[in-house]
Amino acid sequence: MKRSRPVARRYVTKPIDPIIEASVYVEQAGRNKYKIQSDQLERIGEQLRGRRFSVLHTIIMPLMVTAFTLFLTSFLQYVSWANSVSLQKATDLVDNARRAYERAADAIGKRQYATATFFPSLKDLARETKPSVEPETNARDVKNNVKNRKSAEGSPLRASAAVELEIPLYKSDLDKSQRRYASYYTQVQHWNENYDRMLADIEYTLDRPVFSQIQKEVQTTNRRLFKTIDCSNSLTEELKRLQFNSDSLKLRFAAIDQCFKNTDDALDKLIDDAKQTTKLVYDEQFSQQYKYNLKRLRMVENVFRCYMLGRINYYTDQKELSILKIPDVWESWRELSPIPVPEVQNTEKMKTRAEKHFKDISEKCDSL
């Protein structure tokens, strides 16, 4: 039996890195303490890292990462601070506008109510309303009241039900007319004392911020021209006829003041004539005109409130626009602007928004 010859096999081996010897001396320096000594520590570190020492990876890259981290942190802090300041400014603007609206609306409502109730109370005071009572009848009524009180002493409920009303109704109506008569002059005084302040608040909190966005000044009032305002027409048309800006809430408030003055002048003339003749003289035409003036005042007030609320909503929407967003940063860098700004500080965009606001609010409120 023949044996087969062995087959020679070839093995391919990978080259082995040369062995690098390093000497390390370890000495015990105390209990659980050891001291390592070697003059080849750098060489050992290179072998452990698997690469040689590199200035780029060891020094430059860490410095670049540190600088980028510092820049990013500073930028985020700036964005947070800028957003806080802008948002607080926008919030203060809305709060001041709301306070100005509440003061003006409250004053207009009270003044309108006092004016509406003044003429009826004036007619009641000028007319004799006390009924004539015979002495015998008066004495008999007093005796009956005393008798009813004695019979109802047992129970408060019975007493209140049994005793007749001792205060005549005409006396109650007279007191109400006197209160309304006095309230009218109180409201006129309050209006005149606070008119300038309310006018200034409306200008600074509701007009100037939006007018500055379209780069226009708020016009001043002209008493001589405002006396020619026809309150039976739309205030928008009247202001445009007098070449005033109808978008100004300040001018609209001044026009409402003139409408109140027109009604007050008619009432004052009526009272002056009554003082001279000791008799209140008015005709049906005056009564109808008085009612029509009150109706027009209510319509003008509703339109004015609509304009003011629309302006407040416009400022409220700017709170979101005052926040710096990533697209704002990108647009600022694309335009090579040194500091990114929120949209509310973009002149062209805010001018377009303001003009659109004027158009939309005019179409909405003037149709009331």
Protein backbone atom coordinates (compact mmCIF):
# COMPACT_ATOMS: atom_id res chain seq x y z
CA MET A 1 0.00 0.00 0.00
CA LYS A 2 1.46 3.23 -1.12
CA ARG A 3 1.39 6.26 1.03
CA SER A 4 0.31 9.57 -0.45
CA ARG A 5 2.86 12.27 -0.44
CA PRO A 6 2.10 15.19 1.92
CA VAL A 7 0.92 18.37 0.24
CA ALA A 8 2.86 21.46 1.06
CA ARG A 9 0.63 24.32 2.35
CA ARG A 10 1.48 28.02 2.29
CA TYR A 11 0.35 30.35 5.03
CA VAL A 12 0.16 34.11 4.51
CA THR A 13 0.84 36.07 7.66
CA LYS A 14 0.33 39.75 8.23
CA PRO A 15 3.38 41.75 9.02
CA ILE A 16 3.78 42.23 12.71
CA ASP A 17 4.49 45.70 13.97
CA PRO A 18 7.92 45.91 15.33
CA ILE A 19 8.07 45.44 19.01
CA ILE A 20 9.04 48.55 20.83
CA GLU A 21 10.50 48.03 24.20
CA ALA A 22 9.98 50.49 26.99
CA SER A 23 11.26 50.37 30.48
CA VAL A 24 9.03 51.42 33.36
CA TYR A 25 10.12 51.44 36.98
CA VAL A 26 7.42 50.99 39.59
CA GLU A 27 8.29 51.58 43.20
CA GLN A 28 6.07 51.42 46.21
CA ALA A 29 6.06 54.83 47.87
CA GLY A 30 3.92 53.80 50.76
CA ARG A 31 0.81 51.89 51.60
CA ASN A 32 -1.38 51.70 48.48
CA LYS A 33 0.87 54.26 46.79
CA TYR A 34 3.17 53.59 43.87
CA LYS A 35 5.65 55.68 41.99
CA ILE A 36 6.13 55.21 38.26
CA GLN A 37 9.32 56.38 36.62
CA SER A 38 10.31 56.19 32.96
CA ASP A 39 12.07 58.33 30.40
CA GLN A 40 9.83 56.93 27.62
CA LEU A 41 6.36 58.08 28.76
CA GLU A 42 5.82 60.17 25.62
CA ARG A 43 6.67 57.18 23.47
CA ILE A 44 4.30 55.01 25.49
CA GLY A 45 1.51 57.58 25.07
CA GLU A 46 1.97 57.61 21.30
CA GLN A 47 1.60 53.85 21.19
CA LEU A 48 -1.50 53.90 23.37
CA ARG A 49 -3.14 56.62 21.24
CA GLY A 50 -2.25 54.86 18.06
CA ARG A 51 -1.02 58.06 16.42
CA ARG A 52 1.62 60.63 16.81
CA PHE A 53 1.20 63.99 18.47
CA SER A 54 -0.68 66.50 16.21
CA VAL A 55 -0.94 70.25 16.81
CA LEU A 56 -4.16 70.41 14.77
CA HIS A 57 -6.02 67.83 16.81
CA THR A 58 -4.48 68.63 20.13
CA ILE A 59 -4.48 72.46 20.19
CA ILE A 60 -6.21 74.06 17.20
CA MET A 61 -9.38 71.92 17.15
CA PRO A 62 -10.11 72.31 20.87
CA LEU A 63 -9.61 76.07 20.54
CA MET A 64 -12.01 76.22 17.60
CA VAL A 65 -14.65 74.20 19.47
CA THR A 66 -14.28 76.44 22.52
CA ALA A 67 -14.57 79.62 20.43
CA PHE A 68 -17.66 78.33 18.59
CA THR A 69 -19.30 77.29 21.85
CA LEU A 70 -18.62 80.73 23.33
CA PHE A 71 -20.00 82.48 20.25
CA LEU A 72 -23.15 80.32 20.16
CA THR A 73 -23.78 80.83 23.88
CA SER A 74 -23.32 84.60 23.60
CA PHE A 75 -25.60 84.76 20.56
CA LEU A 76 -28.37 82.82 22.30
CA GLN A 77 -28.07 85.09 25.33
CA TYR A 78 -28.35 88.14 23.08
CA VAL A 79 -31.43 86.71 21.33
CA SER A 80 -33.04 85.94 24.70
CA TRP A 81 -32.30 89.45 26.01
CA ALA A 82 -33.50 91.13 22.79
CA ASN A 83 -36.73 89.10 22.79
CA SER A 84 -37.39 89.96 26.44
CA VAL A 85 -36.91 93.69 25.84
CA SER A 86 -38.98 93.75 22.63
CA LEU A 87 -41.78 91.66 24.09
CA GLN A 88 -41.94 93.82 27.22
CA LYS A 89 -42.09 96.96 25.08
CA ALA A 90 -44.91 95.53 22.96
CA THR A 91 -46.79 94.39 26.09
CA ASP A 92 -46.50 97.84 27.69
CA LEU A 93 -47.80 99.41 24.48
CA VAL A 94 -50.88 97.17 24.49
CA ASP A 95 -51.54 97.77 28.21
CA ASN A 96 -51.29 101.55 27.83
CA ALA A 97 -53.58 101.47 24.79
CA ARG A 98 -56.17 99.45 26.68
CA ARG A 99 -56.12 101.84 29.64
CA ALA A 100 -56.57 104.82 27.30
CA TYR A 101 -59.47 103.04 25.60
CA GLU A 102 -61.16 102.19 28.91
CA ARG A 103 -60.90 105.77 30.19
CA ALA A 104 -62.20 107.28 26.95
CA ALA A 105 -65.02 104.73 26.54
CA ASP A 106 -66.11 105.16 30.16
CA ALA A 107 -66.14 108.96 29.89
CA ILE A 108 -68.06 108.88 26.61
CA GLY A 109 -70.65 106.45 28.02
CA LYS A 110 -71.29 108.51 31.14
CA ARG A 111 -71.42 111.76 29.19
CA GLN A 112 -73.85 110.30 26.67
CA TYR A 113 -76.15 108.91 29.39
CA ALA A 114 -76.15 112.20 31.30
CA THR A 115 -77.03 114.07 28.11
CA ALA A 116 -79.81 111.61 27.22
CA THR A 117 -81.50 111.93 30.64
CA PHE A 118 -81.02 115.67 31.06
CA PHE A 119 -83.76 116.96 28.77
CA PRO A 120 -86.51 114.69 30.21
CA SER A 121 -85.51 115.68 33.75
CA LEU A 122 -85.49 119.32 32.71
CA LYS A 123 -89.07 119.03 31.45
CA ASP A 124 -90.15 117.33 34.69
CA LEU A 125 -88.59 120.04 36.84
CA ALA A 126 -90.18 122.79 34.74
CA ARG A 127 -93.62 121.23 35.02
CA GLU A 128 -95.61 121.35 38.27
CA THR A 129 -96.08 117.74 39.26
CA LYS A 130 -97.30 118.04 42.85
CA PRO A 131 -101.08 117.21 43.07
CA SER A 132 -103.42 119.42 44.99
CA VAL A 133 -104.66 117.77 48.23
CA GLU A 134 -107.66 118.99 50.24
CA PRO A 135 -106.94 119.60 53.96
CA GLU A 136 -109.83 117.37 55.05
CA THR A 137 -108.65 114.55 52.85
CA ASN A 138 -105.07 114.98 54.04
CA ALA A 139 -106.12 114.81 57.69
CA ARG A 140 -108.27 111.75 57.06
CA ASP A 141 -105.38 109.96 55.34
CA VAL A 142 -103.07 110.69 58.25
CA LYS A 143 -105.63 109.31 60.71
CA ASN A 144 -106.03 106.14 58.64
CA ASN A 145 -102.26 105.67 58.46
CA VAL A 146 -101.97 105.90 62.26
CA LYS A 147 -104.78 103.38 62.67
CA ASN A 148 -103.14 100.96 60.26
CA ARG A 149 -99.81 101.24 62.03
CA LYS A 150 -101.37 100.39 65.39
CA SER A 151 -103.15 97.37 63.97
CA ALA A 152 -99.91 96.07 62.38
CA GLU A 153 -97.55 96.42 65.33
CA GLY A 154 -97.48 92.68 65.95
CA SER A 155 -95.53 91.74 62.81
CA PRO A 156 -93.07 93.71 60.67
CA LEU A 157 -94.37 91.95 57.57
CA ARG A 158 -97.95 92.84 58.43
CA ALA A 159 -96.91 96.39 59.20
CA SER A 160 -95.22 96.83 55.83
CA ALA A 161 -98.23 95.36 54.08
CA ALA A 162 -100.84 97.28 56.01
CA VAL A 163 -99.31 100.75 56.19
CA GLU A 164 -99.89 102.83 53.10
CA LEU A 165 -97.03 104.55 51.32
CA GLU A 166 -96.54 107.89 53.01
CA ILE A 167 -94.03 109.30 50.47
CA PRO A 168 -95.94 110.51 47.39
CA LEU A 169 -94.79 109.13 44.03
CA TYR A 170 -94.39 112.61 42.63
CA LYS A 171 -91.77 113.24 45.32
CA SER A 172 -89.77 110.19 44.18
CA ASP A 173 -89.93 111.30 40.53
CA LEU A 174 -88.91 114.78 41.53
CA ASP A 175 -85.86 113.51 43.40
CA LYS A 176 -84.85 111.37 40.42
CA SER A 177 -85.17 114.32 38.05
CA GLN A 178 -83.10 116.50 40.37
CA ARG A 179 -80.35 113.84 40.56
CA ARG A 180 -80.25 113.49 36.79
CA TYR A 181 -80.24 117.25 36.37
CA ALA A 182 -77.27 117.60 38.74
CA SER A 183 -75.52 114.53 37.23
CA TYR A 184 -75.49 116.16 33.81
CA TYR A 185 -73.46 119.13 35.02
CA THR A 186 -71.23 116.85 37.07
CA GLN A 187 -70.40 114.78 33.98
CA VAL A 188 -69.83 117.91 31.89
CA GLN A 189 -67.41 119.19 34.52
CA HIS A 190 -65.61 115.84 34.72
CA TRP A 191 -65.35 115.71 30.93
CA ASN A 192 -63.93 119.22 30.63
CA GLU A 193 -61.40 118.61 33.40
CA ASN A 194 -60.08 115.35 31.90
CA TYR A 195 -60.53 116.05 28.18
CA ASP A 196 -56.97 117.24 27.52
CA ARG A 197 -55.49 114.28 29.37
CA MET A 198 -57.63 111.76 27.51
CA LEU A 199 -56.79 113.42 24.20
CA ALA A 200 -53.05 113.22 24.96
CA ASP A 201 -53.31 109.57 26.08
CA ILE A 202 -55.04 108.62 22.85
CA GLU A 203 -52.41 110.40 20.79
CA TYR A 204 -49.37 108.91 22.55
CA THR A 205 -50.64 105.36 23.12
CA LEU A 206 -52.91 104.72 20.12
CA ASP A 207 -51.86 107.08 17.30
CA ARG A 208 -48.14 107.79 17.47
CA PRO A 209 -46.82 104.19 17.44
CA VAL A 210 -48.64 103.25 14.23
CA PHE A 211 -48.14 106.66 12.59
CA SER A 212 -44.39 106.37 13.20
CA GLN A 213 -44.44 103.13 11.21
CA ILE A 214 -45.71 105.00 8.15
CA GLN A 215 -43.42 107.94 8.94
CA LYS A 216 -46.21 110.49 9.49
CA GLU A 217 -46.96 112.97 12.24
CA VAL A 218 -50.25 113.13 14.14
CA GLN A 219 -52.12 116.28 13.17
CA THR A 220 -53.12 118.83 15.80
CA THR A 221 -56.74 119.75 16.42
CA ASN A 222 -58.18 123.02 15.17
CA ARG A 223 -61.10 124.30 17.22
CA ARG A 224 -62.18 126.78 14.57
CA LEU A 225 -62.43 124.11 11.89
CA PHE A 226 -63.95 121.52 14.20
CA LYS A 227 -66.87 123.84 14.93
CA THR A 228 -67.94 123.34 11.30
CA ILE A 229 -68.23 119.55 11.69
CA ASP A 230 -71.66 118.22 10.77
CA CYS A 231 -72.33 115.43 13.26
CA SER A 232 -75.22 114.14 11.15
CA ASN A 233 -72.65 112.88 8.63
CA SER A 234 -69.94 110.27 8.95
CA LEU A 235 -66.92 111.51 10.89
CA THR A 236 -64.67 109.90 8.28
CA GLU A 237 -66.19 112.06 5.56
CA GLU A 238 -66.20 115.18 7.72
CA LEU A 239 -62.53 114.80 8.69
CA LYS A 240 -61.55 114.23 5.07
CA ARG A 241 -63.60 117.29 4.06
CA LEU A 242 -61.62 119.39 6.53
CA GLN A 243 -58.37 117.79 5.24
CA PHE A 244 -57.69 115.88 8.45
CA ASN A 245 -56.42 112.31 8.67
CA SER A 246 -59.46 110.15 9.42
CA ASP A 247 -57.20 107.33 10.68
CA SER A 248 -56.26 109.41 13.73
CA LEU A 249 -58.20 108.36 16.83
CA LYS A 250 -57.20 111.60 18.51
CA LEU A 251 -59.01 113.64 15.84
CA ARG A 252 -62.06 111.37 16.08
CA PHE A 253 -62.22 111.89 19.83
CA ALA A 254 -61.99 115.66 19.32
CA ALA A 255 -64.84 115.43 16.79
CA ILE A 256 -66.99 113.56 19.33
CA ASP A 257 -66.29 116.33 21.83
CA GLN A 258 -67.57 118.85 19.29
CA CYS A 259 -70.76 116.81 18.77
CA PHE A 260 -71.37 116.87 22.52
CA LYS A 261 -70.79 120.62 22.56
CA ASN A 262 -73.36 121.15 19.80
CA THR A 263 -76.03 119.40 21.87
CA ASP A 264 -74.92 121.21 25.04
CA ASP A 265 -75.19 124.60 23.33
CA ALA A 266 -78.77 123.86 22.26
CA LEU A 267 -79.70 122.85 25.82
CA ASP A 268 -77.98 125.87 27.36
CA LYS A 269 -79.88 128.21 25.04
CA LEU A 270 -83.13 126.54 26.03
CA ILE A 271 -82.36 127.01 29.72
CA ASP A 272 -81.29 130.64 29.27
CA ASP A 273 -84.55 131.41 27.49
CA ALA A 274 -86.49 129.69 30.26
CA LYS A 275 -84.75 131.79 32.93
CA GLN A 276 -85.77 134.99 31.17
CA THR A 277 -89.40 133.99 30.55
CA THR A 278 -89.74 131.84 33.72
CA LYS A 279 -91.16 129.16 31.44
CA LEU A 280 -89.55 126.33 29.51
CA VAL A 281 -90.53 126.81 25.88
CA TYR A 282 -89.70 124.20 23.26
CA ASP A 283 -91.46 122.81 20.24
CA GLU A 284 -91.77 119.38 18.69
CA GLN A 285 -88.98 120.18 16.25
CA PHE A 286 -86.55 120.75 19.12
CA SER A 287 -87.54 117.43 20.72
CA GLN A 288 -87.08 115.54 17.47
CA GLN A 289 -83.73 117.21 16.83
CA TYR A 290 -82.61 116.36 20.36
CA LYS A 291 -83.48 112.69 19.87
CA TYR A 292 -81.78 112.64 16.48
CA ASN A 293 -78.60 114.14 17.94
CA LEU A 294 -78.53 111.46 20.64
CA LYS A 295 -79.00 108.76 18.02
CA ARG A 296 -76.13 110.14 15.95
CA LEU A 297 -73.95 110.36 19.04
CA ARG A 298 -74.52 106.69 19.80
CA MET A 299 -73.61 105.76 16.22
CA VAL A 300 -70.47 107.90 16.31
CA GLU A 301 -69.47 106.37 19.66
CA ASN A 302 -69.89 102.82 18.34
CA VAL A 303 -67.72 103.60 15.32
CA PHE A 304 -65.09 105.18 17.58
CA ARG A 305 -65.02 102.12 19.85
CA CYS A 306 -64.63 99.90 16.79
CA TYR A 307 -61.63 101.94 15.64
CA MET A 308 -60.02 101.82 19.08
CA LEU A 309 -60.49 98.07 19.53
CA GLY A 310 -59.11 97.49 16.04
CA ARG A 311 -56.03 99.53 16.91
CA ILE A 312 -55.53 97.56 20.13
CA ASN A 313 -55.79 94.27 18.23
CA TYR A 314 -53.22 95.56 15.76
CA TYR A 315 -50.78 96.29 18.58
CA THR A 316 -51.51 92.91 20.18
CA ASP A 317 -50.51 91.12 16.97
CA GLN A 318 -47.18 92.96 17.09
CA LYS A 319 -46.24 91.12 20.28
CA GLU A 320 -45.52 88.02 18.23
CA LEU A 321 -43.71 90.04 15.59
CA SER A 322 -41.41 91.50 18.25
CA ILE A 323 -39.81 88.09 18.87
CA LEU A 324 -36.57 87.42 16.98
CA LYS A 325 -36.90 84.24 14.92
CA ILE A 326 -34.41 82.09 13.00
CA PRO A 327 -35.68 83.36 9.59
CA ASP A 328 -35.01 86.91 10.81
CA VAL A 329 -31.45 85.93 11.69
CA TRP A 330 -30.93 84.26 8.32
CA GLU A 331 -32.31 87.28 6.43
CA SER A 332 -30.11 89.60 8.47
CA TRP A 333 -26.99 87.58 7.69
CA ARG A 334 -28.00 87.31 4.02
CA GLU A 335 -28.29 91.10 3.83
CA LEU A 336 -24.97 91.45 5.70
CA SER A 337 -26.68 93.29 8.53
CA PRO A 338 -24.45 93.43 11.63
CA ILE A 339 -27.28 92.78 14.12
CA PRO A 340 -30.44 90.78 13.33
CA VAL A 341 -33.72 92.54 14.16
CA PRO A 342 -37.27 91.17 14.58
CA GLU A 343 -39.93 91.83 11.97
CA VAL A 344 -41.54 94.58 14.05
CA GLN A 345 -38.39 96.67 13.52
CA ASN A 346 -38.37 96.14 9.77
CA THR A 347 -39.43 99.54 8.40
CA GLU A 348 -40.76 98.41 5.03
CA LYS A 349 -42.71 95.45 6.36
CA MET A 350 -44.31 97.44 9.19
CA LYS A 351 -45.24 100.25 6.83
CA THR A 352 -47.09 97.76 4.65
CA ARG A 353 -48.81 96.26 7.69
CA ALA A 354 -49.86 99.68 9.02
CA GLU A 355 -51.34 100.77 5.71
CA LYS A 356 -53.26 97.49 5.47
CA HIS A 357 -54.53 98.03 9.03
CA PHE A 358 -55.85 101.50 8.17
CA LYS A 359 -57.66 100.16 5.13
CA ASP A 360 -59.18 97.12 6.85
CA ILE A 361 -60.37 98.95 9.95
CA SER A 362 -61.93 101.74 7.89
CA GLU A 363 -63.90 99.26 5.78
CA LYS A 364 -65.05 97.39 8.88
CA CYS A 365 -66.01 100.24 11.21
CA ASP A 366 -67.43 102.76 8.75
CA SER A 367 -70.01 100.20 7.69
CA LEU A 368 -71.58 100.10 11.17
